[in-house]
PDB file of N, CA and C in Angstrom:
ATOM      1  N   UNK A   1       0.837  -1.173   0.000  1.00  0.00           N
ATOM      2  CA  UNK A   1       0.000   0.000   0.000  1.00  0.00           C
ATOM      3  C   UNK A   1       0.888   1.246   0.000  1.00  0.00           C
ATOM      4  N   UNK A   2       0.545   2.204  -0.811  1.00  0.00           N
ATOM      5  CA  UNK A   2       1.313   3.427  -0.930  1.00  0.00           C
ATOM      6  C   UNK A   2       0.823   4.438   0.096  1.00  0.00           C
ATOM      7  N   UNK A   3       1.768   5.005   0.836  1.00  0.00           N
ATOM      8  CA  UNK A   3       1.425   5.988   1.859  1.00  0.00           C
ATOM      9  C   UNK A   3       2.206   7.269   1.627  1.00  0.00           C
ATOM     10  N   UNK A   4       1.581   8.377   1.990  1.00  0.00           N
ATOM     11  CA  UNK A   4       2.225   9.683   1.923  1.00  0.00           C
ATOM     12  C   UNK A   4       1.935  10.393   3.237  1.00  0.00           C
ATOM     13  N   UNK A   5       2.983  10.831   3.897  1.00  0.00           N
ATOM     14  CA  UNK A   5       2.822  11.585   5.135  1.00  0.00           C
ATOM     15  C   UNK A   5       2.768  13.064   4.775  1.00  0.00           C
ATOM     16  N   UNK A   6       1.687  13.704   5.171  1.00  0.00           N
ATOM     17  CA  UNK A   6       1.477  15.107   4.835  1.00  0.00           C
ATOM     18  C   UNK A   6       2.101  15.966   5.923  1.00  0.00           C
ATOM     19  N   UNK A   7       2.926  16.923   5.493  1.00  0.00           N
ATOM     20  CA  UNK A   7       3.565  17.837   6.424  1.00  0.00           C
ATOM     21  C   UNK A   7       2.573  18.820   7.021  1.00  0.00           C
ATOM     22  N   UNK A   8       3.009  19.515   8.053  1.00  0.00           N
ATOM     23  CA  UNK A   8       2.134  20.439   8.773  1.00  0.00           C
ATOM     24  C   UNK A   8       1.628  21.567   7.873  1.00  0.00           C
ATOM     25  N   UNK A   9       2.522  22.195   7.105  1.00  0.00           N
ATOM     26  CA  UNK A   9       2.139  23.332   6.263  1.00  0.00           C
ATOM     27  C   UNK A   9       2.026  22.955   4.783  1.00  0.00           C
ATOM     28  N   UNK A  10       1.974  21.671   4.487  1.00  0.00           N
ATOM     29  CA  UNK A  10       1.930  21.225   3.098  1.00  0.00           C
ATOM     30  C   UNK A  10       0.490  21.262   2.576  1.00  0.00           C
ATOM     31  N   UNK A  11       0.336  21.721   1.350  1.00  0.00           N
ATOM     32  CA  UNK A  11      -1.009  21.781   0.765  1.00  0.00           C
ATOM     33  C   UNK A  11      -1.450  20.390   0.311  1.00  0.00           C
ATOM     34  N   UNK A  12      -2.746  20.248   0.173  1.00  0.00           N
ATOM     35  CA  UNK A  12      -3.303  18.985  -0.283  1.00  0.00           C
ATOM     36  C   UNK A  12      -2.819  18.660  -1.690  1.00  0.00           C
ATOM     37  N   UNK A  13      -2.734  19.673  -2.547  1.00  0.00           N
ATOM     38  CA  UNK A  13      -2.317  19.454  -3.931  1.00  0.00           C
ATOM     39  C   UNK A  13      -0.914  18.864  -4.008  1.00  0.00           C
ATOM     40  N   UNK A  14       0.014  19.410  -3.201  1.00  0.00           N
ATOM     41  CA  UNK A  14       1.380  18.876  -3.211  1.00  0.00           C
ATOM     42  C   UNK A  14       1.416  17.436  -2.721  1.00  0.00           C
ATOM     43  N   UNK A  15       0.673  17.149  -1.671  1.00  0.00           N
ATOM     44  CA  UNK A  15       0.637  15.787  -1.138  1.00  0.00           C
ATOM     45  C   UNK A  15       0.024  14.833  -2.153  1.00  0.00           C
ATOM     46  N   UNK A  16      -1.016  15.281  -2.831  1.00  0.00           N
ATOM     47  CA  UNK A  16      -1.678  14.442  -3.830  1.00  0.00           C
ATOM     48  C   UNK A  16      -0.747  14.172  -5.010  1.00  0.00           C
ATOM     49  N   UNK A  17       0.019  15.182  -5.427  1.00  0.00           N
ATOM     50  CA  UNK A  17       0.996  14.983  -6.508  1.00  0.00           C
ATOM     51  C   UNK A  17       2.055  13.974  -6.110  1.00  0.00           C
ATOM     52  N   UNK A  18       2.552  14.070  -4.872  1.00  0.00           N
ATOM     53  CA  UNK A  18       3.540  13.099  -4.390  1.00  0.00           C
ATOM     54  C   UNK A  18       2.956  11.689  -4.364  1.00  0.00           C
ATOM     55  N   UNK A  19       1.703  11.589  -3.924  1.00  0.00           N
ATOM     56  CA  UNK A  19       1.038  10.292  -3.904  1.00  0.00           C
ATOM     57  C   UNK A  19       0.931   9.709  -5.307  1.00  0.00           C
ATOM     58  N   UNK A  20       0.516  10.519  -6.264  1.00  0.00           N
ATOM     59  CA  UNK A  20       0.395  10.048  -7.650  1.00  0.00           C
ATOM     60  C   UNK A  20       1.736   9.584  -8.199  1.00  0.00           C
ATOM     61  N   UNK A  21       2.810  10.324  -7.908  1.00  0.00           N
ATOM     62  CA  UNK A  21       4.141   9.915  -8.364  1.00  0.00           C
ATOM     63  C   UNK A  21       4.542   8.572  -7.774  1.00  0.00           C
ATOM     64  N   UNK A  22       4.265   8.389  -6.484  1.00  0.00           N
ATOM     65  CA  UNK A  22       4.608   7.116  -5.838  1.00  0.00           C
ATOM     66  C   UNK A  22       3.831   5.955  -6.448  1.00  0.00           C
ATOM     67  N   UNK A  23       2.561   6.178  -6.745  1.00  0.00           N
ATOM     68  CA  UNK A  23       1.741   5.127  -7.340  1.00  0.00           C
ATOM     69  C   UNK A  23       2.267   4.782  -8.730  1.00  0.00           C
ATOM     70  N   UNK A  24       2.642   5.792  -9.514  1.00  0.00           N
ATOM     71  CA  UNK A  24       3.182   5.547 -10.851  1.00  0.00           C
ATOM     72  C   UNK A  24       4.482   4.749 -10.779  1.00  0.00           C
ATOM     73  N   UNK A  25       5.372   5.133  -9.876  1.00  0.00           N
ATOM     74  CA  UNK A  25       6.662   4.454  -9.766  1.00  0.00           C
ATOM     75  C   UNK A  25       6.518   3.019  -9.285  1.00  0.00           C
ATOM     76  N   UNK A  26       5.549   2.772  -8.411  1.00  0.00           N
ATOM     77  CA  UNK A  26       5.386   1.421  -7.882  1.00  0.00           C
ATOM     78  C   UNK A  26       4.733   0.489  -8.896  1.00  0.00           C
ATOM     79  N   UNK A  27       4.063   1.031  -9.907  1.00  0.00           N
ATOM     80  CA  UNK A  27       3.461   0.210 -10.948  1.00  0.00           C
ATOM     81  C   UNK A  27       2.121  -0.388 -10.562  1.00  0.00           C
ATOM     82  N   UNK A  28       1.471   0.176  -9.576  1.00  0.00           N
ATOM     83  CA  UNK A  28       0.191  -0.358  -9.107  1.00  0.00           C
ATOM     84  C   UNK A  28      -0.870  -0.243 -10.196  1.00  0.00           C
ATOM     85  N   UNK A  29      -0.979   0.915 -10.825  1.00  0.00           N
ATOM     86  CA  UNK A  29      -2.019   1.121 -11.837  1.00  0.00           C
ATOM     87  C   UNK A  29      -1.811   0.244 -13.068  1.00  0.00           C
ATOM     88  N   UNK A  30      -0.572   0.112 -13.516  1.00  0.00           N
ATOM     89  CA  UNK A  30      -0.325  -0.729 -14.684  1.00  0.00           C
ATOM     90  C   UNK A  30      -0.637  -2.186 -14.377  1.00  0.00           C
ATOM     91  N   UNK A  31      -0.372  -2.617 -13.139  1.00  0.00           N
ATOM     92  CA  UNK A  31      -0.689  -3.983 -12.744  1.00  0.00           C
ATOM     93  C   UNK A  31      -2.195  -4.204 -12.707  1.00  0.00           C
ATOM     94  N   UNK A  32      -2.938  -3.224 -12.231  1.00  0.00           N
ATOM     95  CA  UNK A  32      -4.405  -3.331 -12.192  1.00  0.00           C
ATOM     96  C   UNK A  32      -4.954  -3.399 -13.613  1.00  0.00           C
ATOM     97  N   UNK A  33      -4.447  -2.544 -14.499  1.00  0.00           N
ATOM     98  CA  UNK A  33      -4.920  -2.544 -15.878  1.00  0.00           C
ATOM     99  C   UNK A  33      -4.600  -3.865 -16.576  1.00  0.00           C
ATOM    100  N   UNK A  34      -3.423  -4.410 -16.283  1.00  0.00           N
ATOM    101  CA  UNK A  34      -3.008  -5.656 -16.911  1.00  0.00           C
ATOM    102  C   UNK A  34      -3.891  -6.821 -16.467  1.00  0.00           C
ATOM    103  N   UNK A  35      -4.314  -6.807 -15.222  1.00  0.00           N
ATOM    104  CA  UNK A  35      -5.113  -7.911 -14.688  1.00  0.00           C
ATOM    105  C   UNK A  35      -6.609  -7.619 -14.692  1.00  0.00           C
ATOM    106  N   UNK A  36      -7.036  -6.635 -15.447  1.00  0.00           N
ATOM    107  CA  UNK A  36      -8.449  -6.279 -15.482  1.00  0.00           C
ATOM    108  C   UNK A  36      -9.293  -7.418 -16.066  1.00  0.00           C
ATOM    109  N   UNK A  37      -8.774  -8.077 -17.096  1.00  0.00           N
ATOM    110  CA  UNK A  37      -9.476  -9.183 -17.741  1.00  0.00           C
ATOM    111  C   UNK A  37      -8.602 -10.424 -17.688  1.00  0.00           C
ATOM    112  N   UNK A  38      -9.250 -11.575 -17.665  1.00  0.00           N
ATOM    113  CA  UNK A  38      -8.503 -12.829 -17.667  1.00  0.00           C
ATOM    114  C   UNK A  38      -7.890 -13.045 -19.038  1.00  0.00           C
ATOM    115  N   UNK A  39      -6.657 -13.470 -19.033  1.00  0.00           N
ATOM    116  CA  UNK A  39      -5.956 -13.753 -20.280  1.00  0.00           C
ATOM    117  C   UNK A  39      -5.511 -15.202 -20.255  1.00  0.00           C
ATOM    118  N   UNK A  40      -5.907 -15.942 -21.274  1.00  0.00           N
ATOM    119  CA  UNK A  40      -5.535 -17.348 -21.323  1.00  0.00           C
ATOM    120  C   UNK A  40      -4.016 -17.467 -21.379  1.00  0.00           C
ATOM    121  N   UNK A  41      -3.470 -18.525 -20.782  1.00  0.00           N
ATOM    122  CA  UNK A  41      -2.008 -18.696 -20.799  1.00  0.00           C
ATOM    123  C   UNK A  41      -1.421 -18.712 -22.208  1.00  0.00           C
ATOM    124  N   UNK A  42      -2.128 -19.310 -23.158  1.00  0.00           N
ATOM    125  CA  UNK A  42      -1.612 -19.336 -24.529  1.00  0.00           C
ATOM    126  C   UNK A  42      -1.579 -17.932 -25.133  1.00  0.00           C
ATOM    127  N   UNK A  43      -2.600 -17.117 -24.836  1.00  0.00           N
ATOM    128  CA  UNK A  43      -2.617 -15.744 -25.333  1.00  0.00           C
ATOM    129  C   UNK A  43      -1.523 -14.908 -24.687  1.00  0.00           C
ATOM    130  N   UNK A  44      -1.291 -15.139 -23.411  1.00  0.00           N
ATOM    131  CA  UNK A  44      -0.243 -14.416 -22.698  1.00  0.00           C
ATOM    132  C   UNK A  44       1.127 -14.743 -23.296  1.00  0.00           C
ATOM    133  N   UNK A  45       1.346 -16.022 -23.563  1.00  0.00           N
ATOM    134  CA  UNK A  45       2.615 -16.451 -24.147  1.00  0.00           C
ATOM    135  C   UNK A  45       2.814 -15.824 -25.525  1.00  0.00           C
ATOM    136  N   UNK A  46       1.743 -15.799 -26.323  1.00  0.00           N
ATOM    137  CA  UNK A  46       1.810 -15.208 -27.661  1.00  0.00           C
ATOM    138  C   UNK A  46       2.113 -13.717 -27.585  1.00  0.00           C
ATOM    139  N   UNK A  47       1.455 -13.014 -26.643  1.00  0.00           N
ATOM    140  CA  UNK A  47       1.685 -11.580 -26.483  1.00  0.00           C
ATOM    141  C   UNK A  47       3.123 -11.301 -26.056  1.00  0.00           C
ATOM    142  N   UNK A  48       3.624 -12.096 -25.100  1.00  0.00           N
ATOM    143  CA  UNK A  48       4.996 -11.892 -24.640  1.00  0.00           C
ATOM    144  C   UNK A  48       6.011 -12.188 -25.736  1.00  0.00           C
ATOM    145  N   UNK A  49       5.716 -13.189 -26.566  1.00  0.00           N
ATOM    146  CA  UNK A  49       6.605 -13.503 -27.687  1.00  0.00           C
ATOM    147  C   UNK A  49       6.633 -12.357 -28.693  1.00  0.00           C
ATOM    148  N   UNK A  50       5.457 -11.780 -28.982  1.00  0.00           N
ATOM    149  CA  UNK A  50       5.394 -10.628 -29.885  1.00  0.00           C
ATOM    150  C   UNK A  50       6.207  -9.454 -29.349  1.00  0.00           C
ATOM    151  N   UNK A  51       6.063  -9.199 -28.045  1.00  0.00           N
ATOM    152  CA  UNK A  51       6.808  -8.096 -27.432  1.00  0.00           C
ATOM    153  C   UNK A  51       8.311  -8.353 -27.499  1.00  0.00           C
ATOM    154  N   UNK A  52       8.729  -9.586 -27.275  1.00  0.00           N
ATOM    155  CA  UNK A  52      10.147  -9.914 -27.335  1.00  0.00           C
ATOM    156  C   UNK A  52      10.685  -9.734 -28.755  1.00  0.00           C
ATOM    157  N   UNK A  53       9.910 -10.153 -29.751  1.00  0.00           N
ATOM    158  CA  UNK A  53      10.336  -9.968 -31.136  1.00  0.00           C
ATOM    159  C   UNK A  53      10.446  -8.493 -31.491  1.00  0.00           C
ATOM    160  N   UNK A  54       9.460  -7.720 -31.070  1.00  0.00           N
ATOM    161  CA  UNK A  54       9.468  -6.283 -31.333  1.00  0.00           C
ATOM    162  C   UNK A  54      10.679  -5.628 -30.681  1.00  0.00           C
ATOM    163  N   UNK A  55      10.962  -6.051 -29.441  1.00  0.00           N
ATOM    164  CA  UNK A  55      12.104  -5.490 -28.713  1.00  0.00           C
ATOM    165  C   UNK A  55      13.425  -5.844 -29.404  1.00  0.00           C
ATOM    166  N   UNK A  56      13.540  -7.098 -29.849  1.00  0.00           N
ATOM    167  CA  UNK A  56      14.779  -7.506 -30.508  1.00  0.00           C
ATOM    168  C   UNK A  56      14.955  -6.792 -31.843  1.00  0.00           C
ATOM    169  N   UNK A  57      13.858  -6.546 -32.563  1.00  0.00           N
ATOM    170  CA  UNK A  57      13.948  -5.809 -33.823  1.00  0.00           C
ATOM    171  C   UNK A  57      14.415  -4.381 -33.593  1.00  0.00           C
ATOM    172  N   UNK A  58      13.888  -3.766 -32.547  1.00  0.00           N
ATOM    173  CA  UNK A  58      14.314  -2.401 -32.216  1.00  0.00           C
ATOM    174  C   UNK A  58      15.791  -2.364 -31.903  1.00  0.00           C
ATOM    175  N   UNK A  59      16.254  -3.328 -31.114  1.00  0.00           N
ATOM    176  CA  UNK A  59      17.673  -3.363 -30.763  1.00  0.00           C
ATOM    177  C   UNK A  59      18.555  -3.576 -31.974  1.00  0.00           C
ATOM    178  N   UNK A  60      18.173  -4.520 -32.841  1.00  0.00           N
ATOM    179  CA  UNK A  60      18.998  -4.809 -34.016  1.00  0.00           C
ATOM    180  C   UNK A  60      19.012  -3.602 -34.968  1.00  0.00           C
ATOM    181  N   UNK A  61      17.895  -2.918 -35.059  1.00  0.00           N
ATOM    182  CA  UNK A  61      17.826  -1.735 -35.917  1.00  0.00           C
ATOM    183  C   UNK A  61      18.674  -0.602 -35.335  1.00  0.00           C
ATOM    184  N   UNK A  62      18.719  -0.501 -34.044  1.00  0.00           N
ATOM    185  CA  UNK A  62      19.465   0.557 -33.377  1.00  0.00           C
ATOM    186  C   UNK A  62      20.968   0.368 -33.532  1.00  0.00           C
ATOM    187  N   UNK A  63      21.431  -0.866 -33.525  1.00  0.00           N
ATOM    188  CA  UNK A  63      22.867  -1.140 -33.557  1.00  0.00           C
ATOM    189  C   UNK A  63      23.431  -1.268 -34.956  1.00  0.00           C
ATOM    190  N   UNK A  64      22.629  -1.059 -35.990  1.00  0.00           N
ATOM    191  CA  UNK A  64      23.150  -1.163 -37.357  1.00  0.00           C
ATOM    192  C   UNK A  64      24.007   0.002 -37.709  1.00  0.00           C
TER     193      UNK A  64
END
């Protein structure tokens, strides 16, 4: 769970911005979005393979 301690003279907006940054860095929202729907293991494997191929193509193109 992400926590933010609010200082005595700190505004709500600043505390809320810090909270949002912490949530983004921890990856909580991306994990929730990823697990929103059930994904069959075969589909997950196919998606990960596509991402790996895309990543390797980018790398090979970059190093040419």
